[in-house]
Protein backbone atom coordinates (compact mmCIF):
# COMPACT_ATOMS: atom_id res chain seq x y z
CA UNK A 1 0.00 0.00 0.00
CA UNK A 2 1.40 3.34 -1.02
CA UNK A 3 -0.93 5.43 1.12
CA UNK A 4 -1.03 5.41 4.88
CA UNK A 5 -3.83 3.07 5.95
CA UNK A 6 -7.08 4.69 7.10
CA UNK A 7 -8.59 3.20 10.26
CA UNK A 8 -12.19 3.87 11.33
CA UNK A 9 -12.53 3.78 15.14
CA UNK A 10 -16.09 3.07 16.28
CA UNK A 11 -16.28 3.52 20.05
CA UNK A 12 -18.82 5.35 22.24
CA UNK A 13 -16.49 5.63 25.27
CA UNK A 14 -14.63 8.92 24.68
CA UNK A 15 -11.62 7.92 26.82
CA UNK A 16 -11.08 4.63 24.92
CA UNK A 17 -11.72 6.38 21.58
CA UNK A 18 -9.07 9.03 22.38
CA UNK A 19 -6.56 6.40 23.52
CA UNK A 20 -6.95 4.48 20.24
CA UNK A 21 -6.82 7.70 18.18
CA UNK A 22 -3.61 8.87 19.89
CA UNK A 23 -2.03 5.42 19.40
CA UNK A 24 -2.88 5.41 15.69
CA UNK A 25 -1.58 8.94 15.19
CA UNK A 26 1.71 8.10 16.92
CA UNK A 27 2.19 5.11 14.60
CA UNK A 28 1.43 6.94 11.35
CA UNK A 29 -2.06 5.61 10.70
CA UNK A 30 -4.71 7.97 9.39
CA UNK A 31 -7.98 7.61 11.29
CA UNK A 32 -11.59 8.74 11.54
CA UNK A 33 -13.76 8.21 14.61
CA UNK A 34 -17.45 7.47 15.12
CA UNK A 35 -19.24 7.53 18.50
CA UNK A 36 -22.17 5.32 17.41
CA UNK A 37 -23.40 2.88 14.77
CA UNK A 38 -25.17 5.40 12.56
CA UNK A 39 -22.05 7.56 12.29
CA UNK A 40 -19.95 4.41 11.69
CA UNK A 41 -22.02 3.34 8.66
CA UNK A 42 -21.94 6.89 7.26
CA UNK A 43 -18.13 7.06 7.67
CA UNK A 44 -17.68 3.60 6.12
CA UNK A 45 -19.75 4.58 3.06
CA UNK A 46 -18.19 8.01 2.54
CA UNK A 47 -14.52 7.32 3.29
CA UNK A 48 -13.99 3.60 2.48
CA UNK A 49 -11.56 2.98 5.38
CA UNK A 50 -8.96 0.20 5.11
CA UNK A 51 -9.99 -1.33 8.43
CA UNK A 52 -12.65 -0.80 11.10
CA UNK A 53 -12.14 -1.13 14.87
CA UNK A 54 -15.66 -1.80 16.15
CA UNK A 55 -16.89 -1.71 19.73
CA UNK A 56 -19.87 -4.08 20.01
CA UNK A 57 -21.66 -2.22 22.83
CA UNK A 58 -22.87 0.89 20.99
CA UNK A 59 -25.82 3.03 22.15
CA UNK A 60 -27.89 2.93 18.95
CA UNK A 61 -27.18 -0.09 16.72
CA UNK A 62 -25.94 -3.53 17.80
CA UNK A 63 -22.35 -4.17 16.65
CA UNK A 64 -23.29 -7.47 14.98
CA UNK A 65 -25.96 -5.66 12.95
CA UNK A 66 -23.35 -3.12 11.78
CA UNK A 67 -21.09 -5.97 10.58
CA UNK A 68 -24.00 -7.57 8.69
CA UNK A 69 -24.87 -4.23 7.04
CA UNK A 70 -21.27 -3.53 6.01
CA UNK A 71 -20.80 -7.07 4.66
CA UNK A 72 -23.59 -6.46 2.11
CA UNK A 73 -21.24 -4.12 0.22
CA UNK A 74 -17.71 -4.34 1.63
CA UNK A 75 -15.03 -6.91 2.61
CA UNK A 76 -13.13 -4.31 4.64
CA UNK A 77 -11.44 -6.01 7.62
CA UNK A 78 -13.37 -5.49 10.86
CA UNK A 79 -11.66 -5.97 14.23
CA UNK A 80 -14.21 -6.25 17.01
CA UNK A 81 -13.48 -4.78 20.43
CA UNK A 82 -15.54 -6.50 23.11
CA UNK A 83 -15.85 -6.63 26.88
CA UNK A 84 -14.64 -9.86 28.48
CA UNK A 85 -18.16 -10.93 29.50
CA UNK A 86 -19.51 -10.85 25.95
CA UNK A 87 -18.18 -14.17 24.61
CA UNK A 88 -21.45 -15.01 22.84
CA UNK A 89 -21.51 -11.58 21.15
CA UNK A 90 -17.89 -12.00 20.13
CA UNK A 91 -18.64 -15.34 18.45
CA UNK A 92 -21.78 -13.92 16.78
CA UNK A 93 -19.67 -11.02 15.47
CA UNK A 94 -17.06 -13.36 13.96
CA UNK A 95 -19.82 -15.49 12.41
CA UNK A 96 -21.39 -12.32 10.96
CA UNK A 97 -18.12 -11.57 9.15
CA UNK A 98 -15.74 -9.84 11.59
CA UNK A 99 -12.09 -10.73 10.98
CA UNK A 100 -10.64 -10.62 14.47
CA UNK A 101 -11.41 -9.53 18.01
CA UNK A 102 -9.73 -7.79 20.90
CA UNK A 103 -10.96 -8.21 24.45
CA UNK A 104 -11.25 -5.21 26.77
CA UNK A 105 -9.15 -4.18 28.55
CA UNK A 106 -6.50 -4.50 25.82
CA UNK A 107 -2.93 -3.27 25.55
CA UNK A 108 -1.86 -0.74 22.93
CA UNK A 109 0.83 -3.19 21.78
CA UNK A 110 -1.77 -5.88 21.14
CA UNK A 111 -3.97 -3.49 19.18
CA UNK A 112 -1.00 -2.51 16.97
CA UNK A 113 -0.06 -6.19 16.49
CA UNK A 114 -3.61 -7.05 15.37
CA UNK A 115 -3.57 -4.16 12.90
CA UNK A 116 -0.22 -5.31 11.48
CA UNK A 117 -1.57 -8.85 11.03
CA UNK A 118 -4.69 -7.49 9.31
CA UNK A 119 -2.74 -5.31 6.88
CA UNK A 120 -0.32 -8.16 6.14
CA UNK A 121 -3.26 -10.43 5.33
CA UNK A 122 -4.72 -7.75 3.04
CA UNK A 123 -1.35 -7.42 1.30
CA UNK A 124 -1.06 -11.21 0.78
CA UNK A 125 -4.66 -11.41 -0.45
CA UNK A 126 -3.99 -8.66 -3.01
CA UNK A 127 -0.83 -10.40 -4.21
CA UNK A 128 -2.63 -13.74 -4.47
CA UNK A 129 -5.44 -12.05 -6.39
CA UNK A 130 -2.96 -10.54 -8.84
CA UNK A 131 -1.15 -13.81 -9.52
CA UNK A 132 -3.98 -16.31 -8.89
CA UNK A 133 -1.32 -18.69 -7.65
CA UNK A 134 -2.20 -22.38 -7.47
CA UNK A 135 0.32 -22.90 -4.64
CA UNK A 136 0.07 -21.67 -1.03
CA UNK A 137 3.33 -21.34 0.91
CA UNK A 138 3.55 -20.48 4.60
CA UNK A 139 6.89 -21.20 6.29
CA UNK A 140 7.67 -24.89 5.65
CA UNK A 141 4.05 -25.63 4.73
CA UNK A 142 3.17 -25.82 1.04
CA UNK A 143 -0.24 -26.62 -0.47
CA UNK A 144 -0.40 -27.38 -4.19
CA UNK A 145 -4.09 -26.71 -4.90
CA UNK A 146 -3.90 -27.95 -8.50
CA UNK A 147 -2.44 -31.33 -7.49
CA UNK A 148 -4.28 -31.53 -4.14
CA UNK A 149 -0.98 -32.24 -2.34
CA UNK A 150 0.45 -30.92 0.93
CA UNK A 151 4.18 -30.71 1.72
CA UNK A 152 6.04 -29.93 4.92
CA UNK A 153 9.71 -28.91 4.46
CA UNK A 154 9.63 -30.51 0.97
CA UNK A 155 8.22 -33.85 2.16
CA UNK A 156 4.76 -34.84 0.93
CA UNK A 157 2.26 -35.50 3.72
CA UNK A 158 -0.42 -38.19 3.58
CA UNK A 159 -3.54 -36.40 4.69
CA UNK A 160 -7.19 -37.41 4.46
CA UNK A 161 -9.69 -35.53 2.23
CA UNK A 162 -11.33 -34.01 5.34
CA UNK A 163 -7.98 -32.83 6.76
CA UNK A 164 -7.15 -31.35 3.34
CA UNK A 165 -10.46 -29.46 3.24
CA UNK A 166 -9.86 -28.12 6.73
CA UNK A 167 -6.27 -27.09 5.99
CA UNK A 168 -7.29 -25.28 2.75
CA UNK A 169 -10.06 -23.40 4.56
CA UNK A 170 -7.59 -22.15 7.20
CA UNK A 171 -4.94 -21.35 4.56
CA UNK A 172 -7.36 -19.29 2.46
CA UNK A 173 -8.19 -17.27 5.59
CA UNK A 174 -4.65 -17.06 6.98
CA UNK A 175 -4.44 -14.62 9.92
CA UNK A 176 -8.20 -14.68 10.43
CA UNK A 177 -10.04 -16.26 13.39
CA UNK A 178 -12.58 -18.79 12.05
CA UNK A 179 -15.30 -19.81 14.50
CA UNK A 180 -16.35 -23.44 15.08
CA UNK A 181 -19.72 -22.62 13.49
CA UNK A 182 -18.13 -21.09 10.38
CA UNK A 183 -15.72 -24.02 9.87
CA UNK A 184 -18.33 -26.74 10.42
CA UNK A 185 -20.79 -25.01 8.05
CA UNK A 186 -18.10 -24.72 5.36
CA UNK A 187 -16.94 -28.33 5.75
CA UNK A 188 -20.08 -30.27 6.68
CA UNK A 189 -22.79 -27.80 5.67
CA UNK A 190 -24.17 -27.79 9.23
CA UNK A 191 -23.18 -26.63 12.69
CA UNK A 192 -24.31 -29.22 15.23
CA UNK A 193 -22.41 -29.88 18.47
CA UNK A 194 -21.41 -33.29 17.09
CA UNK A 195 -19.70 -31.49 14.17
CA UNK A 196 -17.66 -29.38 16.61
CA UNK A 197 -16.56 -32.60 18.36
CA UNK A 198 -15.58 -34.07 14.96
CA UNK A 199 -13.74 -30.86 14.11
CA UNK A 200 -11.59 -31.20 17.26
CA UNK A 201 -10.68 -34.77 16.24
CA UNK A 202 -9.71 -33.74 12.69
CA UNK A 203 -7.77 -30.74 14.01
CA UNK A 204 -5.80 -33.02 16.37
CA UNK A 205 -4.89 -35.45 13.55
CA UNK A 206 -4.00 -32.58 11.19
CA UNK A 207 -1.74 -30.98 13.79
CA UNK A 208 0.11 -34.29 14.31
CA UNK A 209 1.04 -34.11 10.63
CA UNK A 210 1.97 -30.43 10.20
CA UNK A 211 3.22 -29.36 13.64
CA UNK A 212 6.67 -30.24 15.02
CA UNK A 213 5.13 -30.24 18.49
CA UNK A 214 1.32 -30.67 18.31
CA UNK A 215 0.96 -29.70 21.99
CA UNK A 216 2.62 -26.35 21.20
CA UNK A 217 1.32 -25.56 17.68
CA UNK A 218 3.07 -22.97 15.50
CA UNK A 219 0.74 -22.98 12.50
CA UNK A 220 -2.79 -23.41 13.83
CA UNK A 221 -3.71 -21.44 16.94
CA UNK A 222 -6.68 -22.40 19.12
CA UNK A 223 -8.98 -19.65 20.39
CA UNK A 224 -10.61 -21.49 23.29
CA UNK A 225 -14.39 -21.64 22.99
CA UNK A 226 -14.26 -19.65 19.74
CA UNK A 227 -12.37 -21.40 16.94
CA UNK A 228 -9.04 -21.56 15.12
CA UNK A 229 -6.64 -19.33 13.20
CA UNK A 230 -3.74 -20.17 10.90
CA UNK A 231 -0.81 -17.91 11.72
CA UNK A 232 1.33 -16.36 8.99
CA UNK A 233 4.93 -17.57 9.35
CA UNK A 234 7.51 -14.86 8.77
C-alpha atoms as a PDB file:
ATOM      1  CA  UNK A   1       0.000   0.000   0.000  1.00  0.00           C
ATOM      2  CA  UNK A   2       1.396   3.337  -1.019  1.00  0.00           C
ATOM      3  CA  UNK A   3      -0.934   5.427   1.116  1.00  0.00           C
ATOM      4  CA  UNK A   4      -1.033   5.414   4.881  1.00  0.00           C
ATOM      5  CA  UNK A   5      -3.829   3.071   5.953  1.00  0.00           C
ATOM      6  CA  UNK A   6      -7.080   4.687   7.105  1.00  0.00           C
ATOM      7  CA  UNK A   7      -8.593   3.205  10.264  1.00  0.00           C
ATOM      8  CA  UNK A   8     -12.191   3.866  11.334  1.00  0.00           C
ATOM      9  CA  UNK A   9     -12.526   3.781  15.136  1.00  0.00           C
ATOM     10  CA  UNK A  10     -16.093   3.074  16.276  1.00  0.00           C
ATOM     11  CA  UNK A  11     -16.277   3.520  20.052  1.00  0.00           C
ATOM     12  CA  UNK A  12     -18.817   5.349  22.243  1.00  0.00           C
ATOM     13  CA  UNK A  13     -16.495   5.635  25.268  1.00  0.00           C
ATOM     14  CA  UNK A  14     -14.628   8.923  24.675  1.00  0.00           C
ATOM     15  CA  UNK A  15     -11.623   7.918  26.818  1.00  0.00           C
ATOM     16  CA  UNK A  16     -11.079   4.631  24.918  1.00  0.00           C
ATOM     17  CA  UNK A  17     -11.717   6.382  21.583  1.00  0.00           C
ATOM     18  CA  UNK A  18      -9.070   9.030  22.382  1.00  0.00           C
ATOM     19  CA  UNK A  19      -6.565   6.403  23.523  1.00  0.00           C
ATOM     20  CA  UNK A  20      -6.947   4.475  20.243  1.00  0.00           C
ATOM     21  CA  UNK A  21      -6.823   7.695  18.176  1.00  0.00           C
ATOM     22  CA  UNK A  22      -3.609   8.866  19.893  1.00  0.00           C
ATOM     23  CA  UNK A  23      -2.026   5.415  19.397  1.00  0.00           C
ATOM     24  CA  UNK A  24      -2.885   5.409  15.693  1.00  0.00           C
ATOM     25  CA  UNK A  25      -1.583   8.945  15.194  1.00  0.00           C
ATOM     26  CA  UNK A  26       1.712   8.102  16.923  1.00  0.00           C
ATOM     27  CA  UNK A  27       2.187   5.109  14.605  1.00  0.00           C
ATOM     28  CA  UNK A  28       1.428   6.945  11.353  1.00  0.00           C
ATOM     29  CA  UNK A  29      -2.056   5.614  10.696  1.00  0.00           C
ATOM     30  CA  UNK A  30      -4.712   7.970   9.392  1.00  0.00           C
ATOM     31  CA  UNK A  31      -7.980   7.607  11.292  1.00  0.00           C
ATOM     32  CA  UNK A  32     -11.586   8.744  11.540  1.00  0.00           C
ATOM     33  CA  UNK A  33     -13.759   8.212  14.608  1.00  0.00           C
ATOM     34  CA  UNK A  34     -17.449   7.475  15.115  1.00  0.00           C
ATOM     35  CA  UNK A  35     -19.240   7.530  18.499  1.00  0.00           C
ATOM     36  CA  UNK A  36     -22.171   5.322  17.408  1.00  0.00           C
ATOM     37  CA  UNK A  37     -23.402   2.879  14.770  1.00  0.00           C
ATOM     38  CA  UNK A  38     -25.172   5.398  12.556  1.00  0.00           C
ATOM     39  CA  UNK A  39     -22.046   7.559  12.292  1.00  0.00           C
ATOM     40  CA  UNK A  40     -19.953   4.407  11.691  1.00  0.00           C
ATOM     41  CA  UNK A  41     -22.017   3.338   8.661  1.00  0.00           C
ATOM     42  CA  UNK A  42     -21.940   6.887   7.264  1.00  0.00           C
ATOM     43  CA  UNK A  43     -18.131   7.062   7.668  1.00  0.00           C
ATOM     44  CA  UNK A  44     -17.682   3.599   6.119  1.00  0.00           C
ATOM     45  CA  UNK A  45     -19.754   4.580   3.062  1.00  0.00           C
ATOM     46  CA  UNK A  46     -18.191   8.009   2.539  1.00  0.00           C
ATOM     47  CA  UNK A  47     -14.520   7.325   3.288  1.00  0.00           C
ATOM     48  CA  UNK A  48     -13.992   3.597   2.478  1.00  0.00           C
ATOM     49  CA  UNK A  49     -11.555   2.975   5.376  1.00  0.00           C
ATOM     50  CA  UNK A  50      -8.959   0.197   5.110  1.00  0.00           C
ATOM     51  CA  UNK A  51      -9.988  -1.332   8.435  1.00  0.00           C
ATOM     52  CA  UNK A  52     -12.651  -0.803  11.101  1.00  0.00           C
ATOM     53  CA  UNK A  53     -12.139  -1.134  14.866  1.00  0.00           C
ATOM     54  CA  UNK A  54     -15.657  -1.796  16.149  1.00  0.00           C
ATOM     55  CA  UNK A  55     -16.893  -1.708  19.732  1.00  0.00           C
ATOM     56  CA  UNK A  56     -19.871  -4.083  20.009  1.00  0.00           C
ATOM     57  CA  UNK A  57     -21.658  -2.215  22.825  1.00  0.00           C
ATOM     58  CA  UNK A  58     -22.865   0.888  20.993  1.00  0.00           C
ATOM     59  CA  UNK A  59     -25.821   3.028  22.154  1.00  0.00           C
ATOM     60  CA  UNK A  60     -27.889   2.930  18.948  1.00  0.00           C
ATOM     61  CA  UNK A  61     -27.177  -0.092  16.718  1.00  0.00           C
ATOM     62  CA  UNK A  62     -25.940  -3.530  17.799  1.00  0.00           C
ATOM     63  CA  UNK A  63     -22.350  -4.173  16.649  1.00  0.00           C
ATOM     64  CA  UNK A  64     -23.288  -7.472  14.985  1.00  0.00           C
ATOM     65  CA  UNK A  65     -25.963  -5.656  12.948  1.00  0.00           C
ATOM     66  CA  UNK A  66     -23.351  -3.120  11.782  1.00  0.00           C
ATOM     67  CA  UNK A  67     -21.089  -5.969  10.582  1.00  0.00           C
ATOM     68  CA  UNK A  68     -23.996  -7.568   8.688  1.00  0.00           C
ATOM     69  CA  UNK A  69     -24.874  -4.233   7.035  1.00  0.00           C
ATOM     70  CA  UNK A  70     -21.267  -3.529   6.006  1.00  0.00           C
ATOM     71  CA  UNK A  71     -20.798  -7.070   4.662  1.00  0.00           C
ATOM     72  CA  UNK A  72     -23.589  -6.457   2.108  1.00  0.00           C
ATOM     73  CA  UNK A  73     -21.243  -4.123   0.221  1.00  0.00           C
ATOM     74  CA  UNK A  74     -17.706  -4.343   1.632  1.00  0.00           C
ATOM     75  CA  UNK A  75     -15.033  -6.909   2.612  1.00  0.00           C
ATOM     76  CA  UNK A  76     -13.134  -4.311   4.640  1.00  0.00           C
ATOM     77  CA  UNK A  77     -11.441  -6.010   7.621  1.00  0.00           C
ATOM     78  CA  UNK A  78     -13.375  -5.490  10.863  1.00  0.00           C
ATOM     79  CA  UNK A  79     -11.656  -5.971  14.228  1.00  0.00           C
ATOM     80  CA  UNK A  80     -14.209  -6.254  17.007  1.00  0.00           C
ATOM     81  CA  UNK A  81     -13.480  -4.782  20.433  1.00  0.00           C
ATOM     82  CA  UNK A  82     -15.537  -6.497  23.111  1.00  0.00           C
ATOM     83  CA  UNK A  83     -15.848  -6.634  26.879  1.00  0.00           C
ATOM     84  CA  UNK A  84     -14.640  -9.860  28.485  1.00  0.00           C
ATOM     85  CA  UNK A  85     -18.157 -10.929  29.496  1.00  0.00           C
ATOM     86  CA  UNK A  86     -19.506 -10.851  25.947  1.00  0.00           C
ATOM     87  CA  UNK A  87     -18.184 -14.166  24.605  1.00  0.00           C
ATOM     88  CA  UNK A  88     -21.450 -15.009  22.836  1.00  0.00           C
ATOM     89  CA  UNK A  89     -21.513 -11.575  21.151  1.00  0.00           C
ATOM     90  CA  UNK A  90     -17.889 -12.001  20.130  1.00  0.00           C
ATOM     91  CA  UNK A  91     -18.636 -15.343  18.448  1.00  0.00           C
ATOM     92  CA  UNK A  92     -21.779 -13.922  16.782  1.00  0.00           C
ATOM     93  CA  UNK A  93     -19.674 -11.019  15.473  1.00  0.00           C
ATOM     94  CA  UNK A  94     -17.060 -13.365  13.963  1.00  0.00           C
ATOM     95  CA  UNK A  95     -19.819 -15.486  12.406  1.00  0.00           C
ATOM     96  CA  UNK A  96     -21.391 -12.323  10.959  1.00  0.00           C
ATOM     97  CA  UNK A  97     -18.119 -11.566   9.154  1.00  0.00           C
ATOM     98  CA  UNK A  98     -15.743  -9.841  11.594  1.00  0.00           C
ATOM     99  CA  UNK A  99     -12.086 -10.727  10.984  1.00  0.00           C
ATOM    100  CA  UNK A 100     -10.644 -10.621  14.474  1.00  0.00           C
ATOM    101  CA  UNK A 101     -11.413  -9.527  18.014  1.00  0.00           C
ATOM    102  CA  UNK A 102      -9.732  -7.787  20.903  1.00  0.00           C
ATOM    103  CA  UNK A 103     -10.959  -8.212  24.452  1.00  0.00           C
ATOM    104  CA  UNK A 104     -11.248  -5.210  26.773  1.00  0.00           C
ATOM    105  CA  UNK A 105      -9.154  -4.177  28.546  1.00  0.00           C
ATOM    106  CA  UNK A 106      -6.496  -4.499  25.816  1.00  0.00           C
ATOM    107  CA  UNK A 107      -2.927  -3.267  25.547  1.00  0.00           C
ATOM    108  CA  UNK A 108      -1.864  -0.736  22.930  1.00  0.00           C
ATOM    109  CA  UNK A 109       0.834  -3.195  21.779  1.00  0.00           C
ATOM    110  CA  UNK A 110      -1.767  -5.882  21.144  1.00  0.00           C
ATOM    111  CA  UNK A 111      -3.966  -3.485  19.182  1.00  0.00           C
ATOM    112  CA  UNK A 112      -1.003  -2.513  16.968  1.00  0.00           C
ATOM    113  CA  UNK A 113      -0.055  -6.185  16.493  1.00  0.00           C
ATOM    114  CA  UNK A 114      -3.610  -7.054  15.367  1.00  0.00           C
ATOM    115  CA  UNK A 115      -3.565  -4.160  12.904  1.00  0.00           C
ATOM    116  CA  UNK A 116      -0.216  -5.310  11.483  1.00  0.00           C
ATOM    117  CA  UNK A 117      -1.569  -8.852  11.028  1.00  0.00           C
ATOM    118  CA  UNK A 118      -4.691  -7.488   9.306  1.00  0.00           C
ATOM    119  CA  UNK A 119      -2.737  -5.308   6.878  1.00  0.00           C
ATOM    120  CA  UNK A 120      -0.317  -8.164   6.143  1.00  0.00           C
ATOM    121  CA  UNK A 121      -3.258 -10.432   5.332  1.00  0.00           C
ATOM    122  CA  UNK A 122      -4.720  -7.753   3.042  1.00  0.00           C
ATOM    123  CA  UNK A 123      -1.354  -7.425   1.304  1.00  0.00           C
ATOM    124  CA  UNK A 124      -1.057 -11.209   0.775  1.00  0.00           C
ATOM    125  CA  UNK A 125      -4.663 -11.414  -0.454  1.00  0.00           C
ATOM    126  CA  UNK A 126      -3.993  -8.662  -3.006  1.00  0.00           C
ATOM    127  CA  UNK A 127      -0.826 -10.397  -4.205  1.00  0.00           C
ATOM    128  CA  UNK A 128      -2.632 -13.740  -4.467  1.00  0.00           C
ATOM    129  CA  UNK A 129      -5.437 -12.050  -6.388  1.00  0.00           C
ATOM    130  CA  UNK A 130      -2.963 -10.539  -8.835  1.00  0.00           C
ATOM    131  CA  UNK A 131      -1.152 -13.812  -9.519  1.00  0.00           C
ATOM    132  CA  UNK A 132      -3.983 -16.312  -8.889  1.00  0.00           C
ATOM    133  CA  UNK A 133      -1.323 -18.692  -7.648  1.00  0.00           C
ATOM    134  CA  UNK A 134      -2.195 -22.379  -7.467  1.00  0.00           C
ATOM    135  CA  UNK A 135       0.316 -22.901  -4.642  1.00  0.00           C
ATOM    136  CA  UNK A 136       0.074 -21.668  -1.035  1.00  0.00           C
ATOM    137  CA  UNK A 137       3.333 -21.342   0.910  1.00  0.00           C
ATOM    138  CA  UNK A 138       3.547 -20.481   4.598  1.00  0.00           C
ATOM    139  CA  UNK A 139       6.889 -21.199   6.292  1.00  0.00           C
ATOM    140  CA  UNK A 140       7.674 -24.891   5.645  1.00  0.00           C
ATOM    141  CA  UNK A 141       4.053 -25.628   4.729  1.00  0.00           C
ATOM    142  CA  UNK A 142       3.168 -25.823   1.039  1.00  0.00           C
ATOM    143  CA  UNK A 143      -0.245 -26.616  -0.467  1.00  0.00           C
ATOM    144  CA  UNK A 144      -0.397 -27.376  -4.187  1.00  0.00           C
ATOM    145  CA  UNK A 145      -4.086 -26.714  -4.904  1.00  0.00           C
ATOM    146  CA  UNK A 146      -3.904 -27.952  -8.502  1.00  0.00           C
ATOM    147  CA  UNK A 147      -2.439 -31.327  -7.494  1.00  0.00           C
ATOM    148  CA  UNK A 148      -4.277 -31.527  -4.138  1.00  0.00           C
ATOM    149  CA  UNK A 149      -0.985 -32.243  -2.340  1.00  0.00           C
ATOM    150  CA  UNK A 150       0.453 -30.920   0.931  1.00  0.00           C
ATOM    151  CA  UNK A 151       4.181 -30.706   1.724  1.00  0.00           C
ATOM    152  CA  UNK A 152       6.044 -29.935   4.923  1.00  0.00           C
ATOM    153  CA  UNK A 153       9.707 -28.913   4.459  1.00  0.00           C
ATOM    154  CA  UNK A 154       9.631 -30.505   0.975  1.00  0.00           C
ATOM    155  CA  UNK A 155       8.222 -33.847   2.157  1.00  0.00           C
ATOM    156  CA  UNK A 156       4.758 -34.836   0.932  1.00  0.00           C
ATOM    157  CA  UNK A 157       2.258 -35.503   3.725  1.00  0.00           C
ATOM    158  CA  UNK A 158      -0.420 -38.188   3.583  1.00  0.00           C
ATOM    159  CA  UNK A 159      -3.541 -36.399   4.695  1.00  0.00           C
ATOM    160  CA  UNK A 160      -7.186 -37.407   4.455  1.00  0.00           C
ATOM    161  CA  UNK A 161      -9.686 -35.530   2.234  1.00  0.00           C
ATOM    162  CA  UNK A 162     -11.329 -34.015   5.344  1.00  0.00           C
ATOM    163  CA  UNK A 163      -7.978 -32.833   6.758  1.00  0.00           C
ATOM    164  CA  UNK A 164      -7.145 -31.350   3.344  1.00  0.00           C
ATOM    165  CA  UNK A 165     -10.460 -29.462   3.237  1.00  0.00           C
ATOM    166  CA  UNK A 166      -9.863 -28.117   6.734  1.00  0.00           C
ATOM    167  CA  UNK A 167      -6.270 -27.087   5.985  1.00  0.00           C
ATOM    168  CA  UNK A 168      -7.293 -25.284   2.754  1.00  0.00           C
ATOM    169  CA  UNK A 169     -10.063 -23.397   4.564  1.00  0.00           C
ATOM    170  CA  UNK A 170      -7.594 -22.145   7.205  1.00  0.00           C
ATOM    171  CA  UNK A 171      -4.942 -21.348   4.562  1.00  0.00           C
ATOM    172  CA  UNK A 172      -7.364 -19.290   2.455  1.00  0.00           C
ATOM    173  CA  UNK A 173      -8.195 -17.274   5.588  1.00  0.00           C
ATOM    174  CA  UNK A 174      -4.647 -17.056   6.984  1.00  0.00           C
ATOM    175  CA  UNK A 175      -4.436 -14.625   9.916  1.00  0.00           C
ATOM    176  CA  UNK A 176      -8.201 -14.676  10.434  1.00  0.00           C
ATOM    177  CA  UNK A 177     -10.041 -16.256  13.386  1.00  0.00           C
ATOM    178  CA  UNK A 178     -12.583 -18.787  12.051  1.00  0.00           C
ATOM    179  CA  UNK A 179     -15.304 -19.811  14.495  1.00  0.00           C
ATOM    180  CA  UNK A 180     -16.345 -23.436  15.080  1.00  0.00           C
ATOM    181  CA  UNK A 181     -19.723 -22.619  13.488  1.00  0.00           C
ATOM    182  CA  UNK A 182     -18.132 -21.091  10.376  1.00  0.00           C
ATOM    183  CA  UNK A 183     -15.722 -24.017   9.873  1.00  0.00           C
ATOM    184  CA  UNK A 184     -18.333 -26.745  10.422  1.00  0.00           C
ATOM    185  CA  UNK A 185     -20.788 -25.015   8.048  1.00  0.00           C
ATOM    186  CA  UNK A 186     -18.096 -24.718   5.364  1.00  0.00           C
ATOM    187  CA  UNK A 187     -16.936 -28.331   5.755  1.00  0.00           C
ATOM    188  CA  UNK A 188     -20.084 -30.268   6.678  1.00  0.00           C
ATOM    189  CA  UNK A 189     -22.791 -27.801   5.666  1.00  0.00           C
ATOM    190  CA  UNK A 190     -24.167 -27.788   9.233  1.00  0.00           C
ATOM    191  CA  UNK A 191     -23.178 -26.625  12.694  1.00  0.00           C
ATOM    192  CA  UNK A 192     -24.310 -29.223  15.227  1.00  0.00           C
ATOM    193  CA  UNK A 193     -22.414 -29.877  18.470  1.00  0.00           C
ATOM    194  CA  UNK A 194     -21.411 -33.290  17.089  1.00  0.00           C
ATOM    195  CA  UNK A 195     -19.701 -31.486  14.173  1.00  0.00           C
ATOM    196  CA  UNK A 196     -17.656 -29.382  16.612  1.00  0.00           C
ATOM    197  CA  UNK A 197     -16.561 -32.598  18.360  1.00  0.00           C
ATOM    198  CA  UNK A 198     -15.580 -34.073  14.959  1.00  0.00           C
ATOM    199  CA  UNK A 199     -13.740 -30.858  14.107  1.00  0.00           C
ATOM    200  CA  UNK A 200     -11.595 -31.203  17.255  1.00  0.00           C
ATOM    201  CA  UNK A 201     -10.677 -34.766  16.240  1.00  0.00           C
ATOM    202  CA  UNK A 202      -9.708 -33.738  12.687  1.00  0.00           C
ATOM    203  CA  UNK A 203      -7.771 -30.737  14.015  1.00  0.00           C
ATOM    204  CA  UNK A 204      -5.801 -33.018  16.367  1.00  0.00           C
ATOM    205  CA  UNK A 205      -4.885 -35.453  13.546  1.00  0.00           C
ATOM    206  CA  UNK A 206      -4.000 -32.576  11.190  1.00  0.00           C
ATOM    207  CA  UNK A 207      -1.738 -30.981  13.795  1.00  0.00           C
ATOM    208  CA  UNK A 208       0.105 -34.288  14.312  1.00  0.00           C
ATOM    209  CA  UNK A 209       1.044 -34.112  10.630  1.00  0.00           C
ATOM    210  CA  UNK A 210       1.974 -30.434  10.202  1.00  0.00           C
ATOM    211  CA  UNK A 211       3.221 -29.355  13.636  1.00  0.00           C
ATOM    212  CA  UNK A 212       6.669 -30.240  15.022  1.00  0.00           C
ATOM    213  CA  UNK A 213       5.134 -30.237  18.492  1.00  0.00           C
ATOM    214  CA  UNK A 214       1.323 -30.669  18.310  1.00  0.00           C
ATOM    215  CA  UNK A 215       0.960 -29.702  21.991  1.00  0.00           C
ATOM    216  CA  UNK A 216       2.621 -26.349  21.200  1.00  0.00           C
ATOM    217  CA  UNK A 217       1.320 -25.563  17.681  1.00  0.00           C
ATOM    218  CA  UNK A 218       3.074 -22.970  15.497  1.00  0.00           C
ATOM    219  CA  UNK A 219       0.744 -22.981  12.496  1.00  0.00           C
ATOM    220  CA  UNK A 220      -2.790 -23.413  13.833  1.00  0.00           C
ATOM    221  CA  UNK A 221      -3.713 -21.443  16.935  1.00  0.00           C
ATOM    222  CA  UNK A 222      -6.678 -22.403  19.124  1.00  0.00           C
ATOM    223  CA  UNK A 223      -8.976 -19.651  20.392  1.00  0.00           C
ATOM    224  CA  UNK A 224     -10.611 -21.492  23.290  1.00  0.00           C
ATOM    225  CA  UNK A 225     -14.393 -21.638  22.993  1.00  0.00           C
ATOM    226  CA  UNK A 226     -14.265 -19.645  19.742  1.00  0.00           C
ATOM    227  CA  UNK A 227     -12.372 -21.396  16.943  1.00  0.00           C
ATOM    228  CA  UNK A 228      -9.036 -21.559  15.119  1.00  0.00           C
ATOM    229  CA  UNK A 229      -6.635 -19.326  13.200  1.00  0.00           C
ATOM    230  CA  UNK A 230      -3.741 -20.170  10.898  1.00  0.00           C
ATOM    231  CA  UNK A 231      -0.807 -17.908  11.720  1.00  0.00           C
ATOM    232  CA  UNK A 232       1.326 -16.359   8.987  1.00  0.00           C
ATOM    233  CA  UNK A 233       4.927 -17.570   9.353  1.00  0.00           C
ATOM    234  CA  UNK A 234       7.509 -14.855   8.772  1.00  0.00           C
END
